[in-house]
Amino acid sequence: MKSFFPATCILFSLFVFNACVQEDPVPDSVENRPLQLVEAFPNLSFNRPLDIQHPGDVSDRLFVVEQRGVISVFPNQQETGEKSTFLSLVNQVNDTGNEEGLLGLAFHPDYASNGLFYVNYTASNPARTVISRFQVSDSDPDQADPQSEMVLLEIDQPYTNHNGGKIAFGPDGYLYVSVGDGGSGGDPQGNGQNRATLLGSILRIDIDGSSSGKNYGIPADNPFVGNEEGFREEIYAYGLRNVWKFSFDPESNRLWAADVGQNRFEEISLIENGGNYGWNTMEGFECFDPESGCEQEGLELPIWAYDHSEGDGSVTGGYVYRGTAIPELQGEYVYADFISGRIWSLEFSDLSDPNNSELMQAPFPVAAFGLDQENELLICGFDGKIYKFDYQSD
């Protein structure tokens, strides 16, 4: 664990530290200074921000998703004091539950030329998850066309929690969608291990194709294509409780997922095509149902898990850092816990024995991480602010 207390001259009765000798100090390299969180945009505030994305069009803009159903856009400049509403869905988004609302945003890989983007939100009557496509306005790049919605997929939700909500395009150009196990507690419907439902899964769909009358296609190498058991062909991986956030490492193309636990363990997994990640047979590395002696053959275990003994309770997935501003984090997976605010980096050169380091504890719930177009990390705080890492000054 890194120290975050500035060096001081300390005099004890028996020892005088050399640091107190009056000599010209040798400046530390910036990498040796403690890290801190600073407001990335001090003049901007948001209402429960839970996703932040850039459009991949080299415009150096950022888009912040608010749970109530608003997407704001603004230039990626620290001094910016104005944001505009890119899209408002407040009249069709249901955010009455703590885990409901507008939950995800993804820009098409060719957004710069086609202006298409995708959202994940919860709606009511009936309670359901909606995956939709929208189009940017022809006349204003900072304004979406609210009439352009095309619904791709709807998933009935039996409870108000565990909606997952993350959407992202993979390096293969397909859209990946995290869907929770349906909610309540302990997966009472057994959705995690039921491949006949989309719940408890990460889905993978081809938004540039169509099949069987759907507004999307099924990638030919999805694991259950052509099955005769009634398994949903959209499923890429299953046995997941509630993947709140996932991300792709642009260098390795690995898919990292943070799966929120029940009441004992939070876990970080590398997601593979067709993988069964164990819920609700297992939670973390331990049996859940049954409490002991569970059958683990064929299950993919997480590469890291942590318990709730230090006040943690809900993992917020992040990114493998590929920016340049914080060299010491290069190539490490940075993530947090929503409840405690603790932020960690996971060094995983040896996947069988990763090294986890606590970076700091944020004084607010950490709802999401995001990247700007230079792959620098940003953090959505539920205090309404967007943060970034920086080094403390001397």
Foldseek 3Di string as FASTA:
>chain_A
DADQDDDDFDDDPVDGDPVPPPDDDDDDDLLNFAKDKDFQAVQAFFAQWFDKADQQQPPQKIWTDHQLFWIWIDHSHRDDNDIDTQDGPNVFADPPDVAFGWQEKEHQNVCNPFQKIWTWGFGPPPTKIWIWIWGQDPVDNSHTDHVRIDTQDIAGAPDDDQQQTYWYAAPVRWIKGAGALRDDAQSPVPSQPDQLGPHQAIFTWACVDDDPPGNTHQPPVQPCPPPPPNGDSRGFEGNAHHFNDWDAAVVPSWIWTWGFFHAWKTAIATGGGHARAHPPQDTAPAGHVVRDDGDCPRHDHGLDMDTCPPPAGTKEFAYQQCADQNVVSHRWGWIAGQGFQWIWTWAPPPSNDIDIDTSDHDPFGFNYWYATPRRFIWTDGSVGTIIGMHGDDD
